[in-house]
Each structure stands twice: as structure tokens, then as C-alpha cells.
PDB file of all heavy atoms in Angstrom:
ATOM      1  N   PRO A   1       0.831  -1.195   0.000  1.00  0.00           N
ATOM      2  CA  PRO A   1       0.000   0.000   0.000  1.00  0.00           C
ATOM      3  C   PRO A   1       0.871   1.254   0.000  1.00  0.00           C
ATOM      4  O   PRO A   1       1.882   1.314   0.682  1.00  0.00           O
ATOM      5  CB  PRO A   1      -0.809  -0.117   1.295  1.00  0.00           C
ATOM      6  CG  PRO A   1      -0.723  -1.560   1.686  1.00  0.00           C
ATOM      7  CD  PRO A   1       0.560  -2.077   1.115  1.00  0.00           C
ATOM      8  N   GLY A   2       0.499   2.225  -0.787  1.00  0.00           N
ATOM      9  CA  GLY A   2       1.269   3.467  -0.862  1.00  0.00           C
ATOM     10  C   GLY A   2       2.486   3.347  -1.752  1.00  0.00           C
ATOM     11  O   GLY A   2       3.301   4.250  -1.829  1.00  0.00           O
ATOM     12  N   GLY A   3       2.659   2.223  -2.440  1.00  0.00           N
ATOM     13  CA  GLY A   3       3.763   2.066  -3.377  1.00  0.00           C
ATOM     14  C   GLY A   3       5.055   1.549  -2.779  1.00  0.00           C
ATOM     15  O   GLY A   3       5.980   1.231  -3.494  1.00  0.00           O
ATOM     16  N   GLY A   4       5.135   1.456  -1.449  1.00  0.00           N
ATOM     17  CA  GLY A   4       6.357   0.966  -0.817  1.00  0.00           C
ATOM     18  C   GLY A   4       6.429  -0.549  -0.854  1.00  0.00           C
ATOM     19  O   GLY A   4       5.461  -1.230  -1.166  1.00  0.00           O
ATOM     20  N   ARG A   5       7.572  -1.091  -0.553  1.00  0.00           N
ATOM     21  CA  ARG A   5       7.742  -2.544  -0.517  1.00  0.00           C
ATOM     22  C   ARG A   5       7.188  -3.086   0.795  1.00  0.00           C
ATOM     23  O   ARG A   5       7.279  -2.447   1.840  1.00  0.00           O
ATOM     24  CB  ARG A   5       9.225  -2.932  -0.638  1.00  0.00           C
ATOM     25  CG  ARG A   5       9.859  -2.480  -1.919  1.00  0.00           C
ATOM     26  CD  ARG A   5       9.436  -3.392  -3.038  1.00  0.00           C
ATOM     27  NE  ARG A   5      10.070  -2.969  -4.275  1.00  0.00           N
ATOM     28  CZ  ARG A   5       9.506  -3.081  -5.450  1.00  0.00           C
ATOM     29  NH1 ARG A   5       8.317  -3.589  -5.554  1.00  0.00           N
ATOM     30  NH2 ARG A   5      10.120  -2.690  -6.532  1.00  0.00           N
ATOM     31  N   LEU A   6       6.604  -4.278   0.731  1.00  0.00           N
ATOM     32  CA  LEU A   6       6.088  -4.908   1.943  1.00  0.00           C
ATOM     33  C   LEU A   6       7.257  -5.454   2.759  1.00  0.00           C
ATOM     34  O   LEU A   6       8.215  -5.981   2.204  1.00  0.00           O
ATOM     35  CB  LEU A   6       5.146  -6.063   1.578  1.00  0.00           C
ATOM     36  CG  LEU A   6       3.856  -5.659   0.876  1.00  0.00           C
ATOM     37  CD1 LEU A   6       3.090  -6.912   0.445  1.00  0.00           C
ATOM     38  CD2 LEU A   6       2.992  -4.819   1.782  1.00  0.00           C
ATOM     39  N   PRO A   7       7.181  -5.359   4.069  1.00  0.00           N
ATOM     40  CA  PRO A   7       8.257  -5.908   4.895  1.00  0.00           C
ATOM     41  C   PRO A   7       8.211  -7.430   4.865  1.00  0.00           C
ATOM     42  O   PRO A   7       7.169  -8.017   4.602  1.00  0.00           O
ATOM     43  CB  PRO A   7       7.935  -5.371   6.295  1.00  0.00           C
ATOM     44  CG  PRO A   7       6.456  -5.144   6.265  1.00  0.00           C
ATOM     45  CD  PRO A   7       6.128  -4.746   4.856  1.00  0.00           C
ATOM     46  N   PRO A   8       9.334  -8.093   5.114  1.00  0.00           N
ATOM     47  CA  PRO A   8       9.318  -9.562   5.146  1.00  0.00           C
ATOM     48  C   PRO A   8       8.448 -10.041   6.299  1.00  0.00           C
ATOM     49  O   PRO A   8       8.276  -9.334   7.299  1.00  0.00           O
ATOM     50  CB  PRO A   8      10.788  -9.932   5.366  1.00  0.00           C
ATOM     51  CG  PRO A   8      11.423  -8.711   5.927  1.00  0.00           C
ATOM     52  CD  PRO A   8      10.643  -7.544   5.433  1.00  0.00           C
ATOM     53  N   PRO A   9       7.858 -11.248   6.165  1.00  0.00           N
ATOM     54  CA  PRO A   9       7.010 -11.752   7.250  1.00  0.00           C
ATOM     55  C   PRO A   9       7.848 -12.002   8.499  1.00  0.00           C
ATOM     56  O   PRO A   9       9.034 -12.314   8.407  1.00  0.00           O
ATOM     57  CB  PRO A   9       6.450 -13.060   6.687  1.00  0.00           C
ATOM     58  CG  PRO A   9       7.362 -13.443   5.583  1.00  0.00           C
ATOM     59  CD  PRO A   9       7.971 -12.173   5.075  1.00  0.00           C
ATOM     60  N   PRO A  10       7.233 -11.862   9.671  1.00  0.00           N
ATOM     61  CA  PRO A  10       7.986 -12.096  10.903  1.00  0.00           C
ATOM     62  C   PRO A  10       8.403 -13.552  11.010  1.00  0.00           C
ATOM     63  O   PRO A  10       7.700 -14.446  10.550  1.00  0.00           O
ATOM     64  CB  PRO A  10       6.998 -11.719  12.013  1.00  0.00           C
ATOM     65  CG  PRO A  10       5.657 -11.808  11.380  1.00  0.00           C
ATOM     66  CD  PRO A  10       5.847 -11.515   9.915  1.00  0.00           C
ATOM     67  N   SER A  11       9.560 -13.778  11.609  1.00  0.00           N
ATOM     68  CA  SER A  11      10.057 -15.142  11.796  1.00  0.00           C
ATOM     69  C   SER A  11       9.339 -15.792  12.968  1.00  0.00           C
ATOM     70  O   SER A  11       9.018 -15.144  13.957  1.00  0.00           O
ATOM     71  CB  SER A  11      11.558 -15.130  12.085  1.00  0.00           C
ATOM     72  OG  SER A  11      12.246 -14.562  11.003  1.00  0.00           O
ATOM     73  N   ALA A  12       9.087 -17.087  12.841  1.00  0.00           N
ATOM     74  CA  ALA A  12       8.444 -17.827  13.917  1.00  0.00           C
ATOM     75  C   ALA A  12       9.489 -18.190  14.963  1.00  0.00           C
ATOM     76  O   ALA A  12      10.629 -18.495  14.639  1.00  0.00           O
ATOM     77  CB  ALA A  12       7.791 -19.085  13.365  1.00  0.00           C
ATOM     78  N   SER A  13       9.091 -18.148  16.203  1.00  0.00           N
ATOM     79  CA  SER A  13      10.017 -18.544  17.251  1.00  0.00           C
ATOM     80  C   SER A  13      10.030 -20.060  17.370  1.00  0.00           C
ATOM     81  O   SER A  13       9.143 -20.745  16.865  1.00  0.00           O
ATOM     82  CB  SER A  13       9.622 -17.905  18.589  1.00  0.00           C
ATOM     83  OG  SER A  13       8.393 -18.441  19.018  1.00  0.00           O
ATOM     84  N   ALA A  14      11.015 -20.587  18.035  1.00  0.00           N
ATOM     85  CA  ALA A  14      11.195 -22.034  18.142  1.00  0.00           C
ATOM     86  C   ALA A  14      10.048 -22.709  18.887  1.00  0.00           C
ATOM     87  O   ALA A  14       9.772 -23.881  18.656  1.00  0.00           O
ATOM     88  CB  ALA A  14      12.519 -22.349  18.833  1.00  0.00           C
ATOM     89  N   ASP A  15       9.357 -21.993  19.774  1.00  0.00           N
ATOM     90  CA  ASP A  15       8.300 -22.630  20.551  1.00  0.00           C
ATOM     91  C   ASP A  15       6.926 -22.536  19.886  1.00  0.00           C
ATOM     92  O   ASP A  15       5.953 -23.035  20.417  1.00  0.00           O
ATOM     93  CB  ASP A  15       8.247 -22.037  21.964  1.00  0.00           C
ATOM     94  CG  ASP A  15       7.948 -20.547  21.957  1.00  0.00           C
ATOM     95  OD1 ASP A  15       8.161 -19.907  20.913  1.00  0.00           O
ATOM     96  OD2 ASP A  15       7.514 -20.029  23.003  1.00  0.00           O
ATOM     97  N   GLU A  16       6.828 -21.929  18.704  1.00  0.00           N
ATOM     98  CA  GLU A  16       5.551 -21.838  17.999  1.00  0.00           C
ATOM     99  C   GLU A  16       5.355 -23.080  17.137  1.00  0.00           C
ATOM    100  O   GLU A  16       6.280 -23.567  16.506  1.00  0.00           O
ATOM    101  CB  GLU A  16       5.509 -20.599  17.109  1.00  0.00           C
ATOM    102  CG  GLU A  16       5.483 -19.309  17.896  1.00  0.00           C
ATOM    103  CD  GLU A  16       5.350 -18.101  16.991  1.00  0.00           C
ATOM    104  OE1 GLU A  16       4.483 -18.136  16.088  1.00  0.00           O
ATOM    105  OE2 GLU A  16       6.108 -17.163  17.175  1.00  0.00           O
ATOM    106  N   THR A  17       4.123 -23.593  17.137  1.00  0.00           N
ATOM    107  CA  THR A  17       3.812 -24.764  16.321  1.00  0.00           C
ATOM    108  C   THR A  17       2.535 -24.502  15.537  1.00  0.00           C
ATOM    109  O   THR A  17       1.723 -23.653  15.920  1.00  0.00           O
ATOM    110  CB  THR A  17       3.622 -26.029  17.180  1.00  0.00           C
ATOM    111  OG1 THR A  17       2.521 -25.798  18.078  1.00  0.00           O
ATOM    112  CG2 THR A  17       4.870 -26.373  17.946  1.00  0.00           C
ATOM    113  N   VAL A  18       2.365 -25.244  14.470  1.00  0.00           N
ATOM    114  CA  VAL A  18       1.161 -25.171  13.658  1.00  0.00           C
ATOM    115  C   VAL A  18       0.646 -26.586  13.483  1.00  0.00           C
ATOM    116  O   VAL A  18       1.410 -27.494  13.154  1.00  0.00           O
ATOM    117  CB  VAL A  18       1.470 -24.551  12.270  1.00  0.00           C
ATOM    118  CG1 VAL A  18       0.246 -24.594  11.381  1.00  0.00           C
ATOM    119  CG2 VAL A  18       1.977 -23.137  12.421  1.00  0.00           C
ATOM    120  N   ALA A  19      -0.634 -26.777  13.702  1.00  0.00           N
ATOM    121  CA  ALA A  19      -1.242 -28.093  13.512  1.00  0.00           C
ATOM    122  C   ALA A  19      -2.197 -28.018  12.326  1.00  0.00           C
ATOM    123  O   ALA A  19      -3.012 -27.102  12.236  1.00  0.00           O
ATOM    124  CB  ALA A  19      -1.997 -28.508  14.765  1.00  0.00           C
ATOM    125  N   LEU A  20      -2.063 -28.965  11.418  1.00  0.00           N
ATOM    126  CA  LEU A  20      -2.933 -29.015  10.254  1.00  0.00           C
ATOM    127  C   LEU A  20      -3.984 -30.089  10.450  1.00  0.00           C
ATOM    128  O   LEU A  20      -3.706 -31.152  11.005  1.00  0.00           O
ATOM    129  CB  LEU A  20      -2.120 -29.344   8.992  1.00  0.00           C
ATOM    130  CG  LEU A  20      -1.053 -28.343   8.578  1.00  0.00           C
ATOM    131  CD1 LEU A  20      -0.315 -28.846   7.354  1.00  0.00           C
ATOM    132  CD2 LEU A  20      -1.657 -26.980   8.306  1.00  0.00           C
ATOM    133  N   SER A  21      -5.181 -29.808   9.983  1.00  0.00           N
ATOM    134  CA  SER A  21      -6.223 -30.835  10.039  1.00  0.00           C
ATOM    135  C   SER A  21      -5.884 -31.918   9.021  1.00  0.00           C
ATOM    136  O   SER A  21      -5.043 -31.733   8.149  1.00  0.00           O
ATOM    137  CB  SER A  21      -7.583 -30.213   9.713  1.00  0.00           C
ATOM    138  OG  SER A  21      -7.615 -29.823   8.350  1.00  0.00           O
ATOM    139  N   SER A  22      -6.549 -33.042   9.133  1.00  0.00           N
ATOM    140  CA  SER A  22      -6.291 -34.134   8.176  1.00  0.00           C
ATOM    141  C   SER A  22      -6.674 -33.699   6.769  1.00  0.00           C
ATOM    142  O   SER A  22      -6.006 -34.063   5.804  1.00  0.00           O
ATOM    143  CB  SER A  22      -7.042 -35.394   8.579  1.00  0.00           C
ATOM    144  OG  SER A  22      -8.439 -35.145   8.598  1.00  0.00           O
ATOM    145  N   ARG A  23      -7.695 -32.873   6.638  1.00  0.00           N
ATOM    146  CA  ARG A  23      -8.102 -32.385   5.322  1.00  0.00           C
ATOM    147  C   ARG A  23      -7.035 -31.448   4.751  1.00  0.00           C
ATOM    148  O   ARG A  23      -6.699 -31.534   3.574  1.00  0.00           O
ATOM    149  CB  ARG A  23      -9.434 -31.659   5.404  1.00  0.00           C
ATOM    150  CG  ARG A  23      -9.895 -31.134   4.038  1.00  0.00           C
ATOM    151  CD  ARG A  23     -11.255 -30.547   4.079  1.00  0.00           C
ATOM    152  NE  ARG A  23     -12.190 -31.657   4.063  1.00  0.00           N
ATOM    153  CZ  ARG A  23     -13.488 -31.506   4.159  1.00  0.00           C
ATOM    154  NH1 ARG A  23     -14.008 -30.313   4.305  1.00  0.00           N
ATOM    155  NH2 ARG A  23     -14.297 -32.546   4.122  1.00  0.00           N
ATOM    156  N   ALA A  24      -6.480 -30.579   5.583  1.00  0.00           N
ATOM    157  CA  ALA A  24      -5.430 -29.674   5.115  1.00  0.00           C
ATOM    158  C   ALA A  24      -4.187 -30.458   4.702  1.00  0.00           C
ATOM    159  O   ALA A  24      -3.549 -30.147   3.703  1.00  0.00           O
ATOM    160  CB  ALA A  24      -5.085 -28.659   6.205  1.00  0.00           C
ATOM    161  N   SER A  25      -3.861 -31.487   5.464  1.00  0.00           N
ATOM    162  CA  SER A  25      -2.712 -32.327   5.117  1.00  0.00           C
ATOM    163  C   SER A  25      -2.952 -33.037   3.792  1.00  0.00           C
ATOM    164  O   SER A  25      -2.059 -33.143   2.953  1.00  0.00           O
ATOM    165  CB  SER A  25      -2.444 -33.360   6.211  1.00  0.00           C
ATOM    166  OG  SER A  25      -2.095 -32.715   7.412  1.00  0.00           O
ATOM    167  N   LEU A  26      -4.174 -33.526   3.601  1.00  0.00           N
ATOM    168  CA  LEU A  26      -4.520 -34.205   2.358  1.00  0.00           C
ATOM    169  C   LEU A  26      -4.437 -33.238   1.179  1.00  0.00           C
ATOM    170  O   LEU A  26      -3.904 -33.576   0.118  1.00  0.00           O
ATOM    171  CB  LEU A  26      -5.928 -34.800   2.467  1.00  0.00           C
ATOM    172  CG  LEU A  26      -6.442 -35.590   1.281  1.00  0.00           C
ATOM    173  CD1 LEU A  26      -5.550 -36.805   1.013  1.00  0.00           C
ATOM    174  CD2 LEU A  26      -7.875 -36.037   1.525  1.00  0.00           C
ATOM    175  N   LEU A  27      -4.948 -32.029   1.367  1.00  0.00           N
ATOM    176  CA  LEU A  27      -4.871 -31.015   0.307  1.00  0.00           C
ATOM    177  C   LEU A  27      -3.425 -30.637   0.002  1.00  0.00           C
ATOM    178  O   LEU A  27      -3.059 -30.457  -1.168  1.00  0.00           O
ATOM    179  CB  LEU A  27      -5.667 -29.769   0.697  1.00  0.00           C
ATOM    180  CG  LEU A  27      -7.181 -29.918   0.658  1.00  0.00           C
ATOM    181  CD1 LEU A  27      -7.844 -28.686   1.257  1.00  0.00           C
ATOM    182  CD2 LEU A  27      -7.664 -30.161  -0.750  1.00  0.00           C
ATOM    183  N   ALA A  28      -2.604 -30.523   1.028  1.00  0.00           N
ATOM    184  CA  ALA A  28      -1.193 -30.198   0.814  1.00  0.00           C
ATOM    185  C   ALA A  28      -0.509 -31.299   0.025  1.00  0.00           C
ATOM    186  O   ALA A  28       0.283 -31.033  -0.891  1.00  0.00           O
ATOM    187  CB  ALA A  28      -0.495 -29.980   2.153  1.00  0.00           C
ATOM    188  N   ARG A  29      -0.816 -32.549   0.335  1.00  0.00           N
ATOM    189  CA  ARG A  29      -0.226 -33.683  -0.394  1.00  0.00           C
ATOM    190  C   ARG A  29      -0.712 -33.700  -1.839  1.00  0.00           C
ATOM    191  O   ARG A  29       0.060 -33.944  -2.759  1.00  0.00           O
ATOM    192  CB  ARG A  29      -0.580 -35.001   0.311  1.00  0.00           C
ATOM    193  CG  ARG A  29      -0.085 -36.223  -0.402  1.00  0.00           C
ATOM    194  CD  ARG A  29       1.430 -36.342  -0.326  1.00  0.00           C
ATOM    195  NE  ARG A  29       1.842 -37.527  -1.063  1.00  0.00           N
ATOM    196  CZ  ARG A  29       2.786 -37.542  -1.985  1.00  0.00           C
ATOM    197  NH1 ARG A  29       3.457 -36.455  -2.257  1.00  0.00           N
ATOM    198  NH2 ARG A  29       3.080 -38.641  -2.622  1.00  0.00           N
ATOM    199  N   ALA A  30      -1.993 -33.432  -2.042  1.00  0.00           N
ATOM    200  CA  ALA A  30      -2.542 -33.398  -3.402  1.00  0.00           C
ATOM    201  C   ALA A  30      -1.882 -32.288  -4.213  1.00  0.00           C
ATOM    202  O   ALA A  30      -1.537 -32.480  -5.392  1.00  0.00           O
ATOM    203  CB  ALA A  30      -4.053 -33.197  -3.357  1.00  0.00           C
ATOM    204  N   GLU A  31      -1.674 -31.132  -3.599  1.00  0.00           N
ATOM    205  CA  GLU A  31      -1.006 -30.026  -4.296  1.00  0.00           C
ATOM    206  C   GLU A  31       0.425 -30.408  -4.666  1.00  0.00           C
ATOM    207  O   GLU A  31       0.887 -30.131  -5.768  1.00  0.00           O
ATOM    208  CB  GLU A  31      -1.011 -28.776  -3.423  1.00  0.00           C
ATOM    209  CG  GLU A  31      -0.376 -27.581  -4.103  1.00  0.00           C
ATOM    210  CD  GLU A  31      -0.404 -26.339  -3.247  1.00  0.00           C
ATOM    211  OE1 GLU A  31      -0.555 -26.447  -2.011  1.00  0.00           O
ATOM    212  OE2 GLU A  31      -0.261 -25.253  -3.821  1.00  0.00           O
ATOM    213  N   GLN A  32       1.116 -31.062  -3.746  1.00  0.00           N
ATOM    214  CA  GLN A  32       2.489 -31.492  -4.015  1.00  0.00           C
ATOM    215  C   GLN A  32       2.513 -32.470  -5.186  1.00  0.00           C
ATOM    216  O   GLN A  32       3.355 -32.358  -6.077  1.00  0.00           O
ATOM    217  CB  GLN A  32       3.083 -32.151  -2.772  1.00  0.00           C
ATOM    218  CG  GLN A  32       4.496 -32.664  -2.980  1.00  0.00           C
ATOM    219  CD  GLN A  32       5.005 -33.416  -1.760  1.00  0.00           C
ATOM    220  OE1 GLN A  32       4.282 -33.633  -0.792  1.00  0.00           O
ATOM    221  NE2 GLN A  32       6.249 -33.827  -1.811  1.00  0.00           N
ATOM    222  N   MET A  33       1.570 -33.410  -5.211  1.00  0.00           N
ATOM    223  CA  MET A  33       1.510 -34.382  -6.296  1.00  0.00           C
ATOM    224  C   MET A  33       1.196 -33.700  -7.627  1.00  0.00           C
ATOM    225  O   MET A  33       1.767 -34.049  -8.666  1.00  0.00           O
ATOM    226  CB  MET A  33       0.475 -35.457  -5.988  1.00  0.00           C
ATOM    227  CG  MET A  33       0.890 -36.374  -4.848  1.00  0.00           C
ATOM    228  SD  MET A  33      -0.410 -37.509  -4.325  1.00  0.00           S
ATOM    229  CE  MET A  33      -0.571 -38.519  -5.782  1.00  0.00           C
ATOM    230  N   MET A  34       0.300 -32.717  -7.608  1.00  0.00           N
ATOM    231  CA  MET A  34      -0.049 -31.992  -8.834  1.00  0.00           C
ATOM    232  C   MET A  34       1.151 -31.216  -9.367  1.00  0.00           C
ATOM    233  O   MET A  34       1.346 -31.122 -10.578  1.00  0.00           O
ATOM    234  CB  MET A  34      -1.207 -31.026  -8.570  1.00  0.00           C
ATOM    235  CG  MET A  34      -2.490 -31.694  -8.208  1.00  0.00           C
ATOM    236  SD  MET A  34      -3.610 -32.003  -9.552  1.00  0.00           S
ATOM    237  CE  MET A  34      -3.667 -30.496 -10.428  1.00  0.00           C
ATOM    238  N   ASN A  35       1.961 -30.669  -8.469  1.00  0.00           N
ATOM    239  CA  ASN A  35       3.133 -29.909  -8.887  1.00  0.00           C
ATOM    240  C   ASN A  35       4.196 -30.797  -9.518  1.00  0.00           C
ATOM    241  O   ASN A  35       5.050 -30.316 -10.262  1.00  0.00           O
ATOM    242  CB  ASN A  35       3.721 -29.136  -7.713  1.00  0.00           C
ATOM    243  CG  ASN A  35       2.856 -27.974  -7.302  1.00  0.00           C
ATOM    244  OD1 ASN A  35       2.095 -27.438  -8.097  1.00  0.00           O
ATOM    245  ND2 ASN A  35       2.945 -27.592  -6.037  1.00  0.00           N
ATOM    246  N   GLU A  36       4.164 -32.093  -9.220  1.00  0.00           N
ATOM    247  CA  GLU A  36       5.139 -33.023  -9.768  1.00  0.00           C
ATOM    248  C   GLU A  36       4.760 -33.501 -11.173  1.00  0.00           C
ATOM    249  O   GLU A  36       5.585 -34.061 -11.868  1.00  0.00           O
ATOM    250  CB  GLU A  36       5.291 -34.226  -8.836  1.00  0.00           C
ATOM    251  CG  GLU A  36       5.901 -33.864  -7.499  1.00  0.00           C
ATOM    252  CD  GLU A  36       5.856 -34.996  -6.486  1.00  0.00           C
ATOM    253  OE1 GLU A  36       5.349 -36.085  -6.816  1.00  0.00           O
ATOM    254  OE2 GLU A  36       6.332 -34.783  -5.359  1.00  0.00           O
TER     255      GLU A  36
END
């Protein structure tokens, strides 16, 4: 916005985790297979 460059995304700390649902994992695998 305003024509400037966007800052890089913040780095995750070592104690942060992300959990994916089984559907999200399945979609991620399907996307990986499609890219191949």
C-alpha cells in the first residue's frame, strides 16, 4: 500500500507450532503431487 515494498514476514520462534487438520494435510499432499 502506498507504493512501498512490503516488509518480510515475521520469523516464527522455536516454541511456535502449527497443527494441520487431516483435510489440510490431504490437500497439501494433493497439491504437491499436482506440482510433480
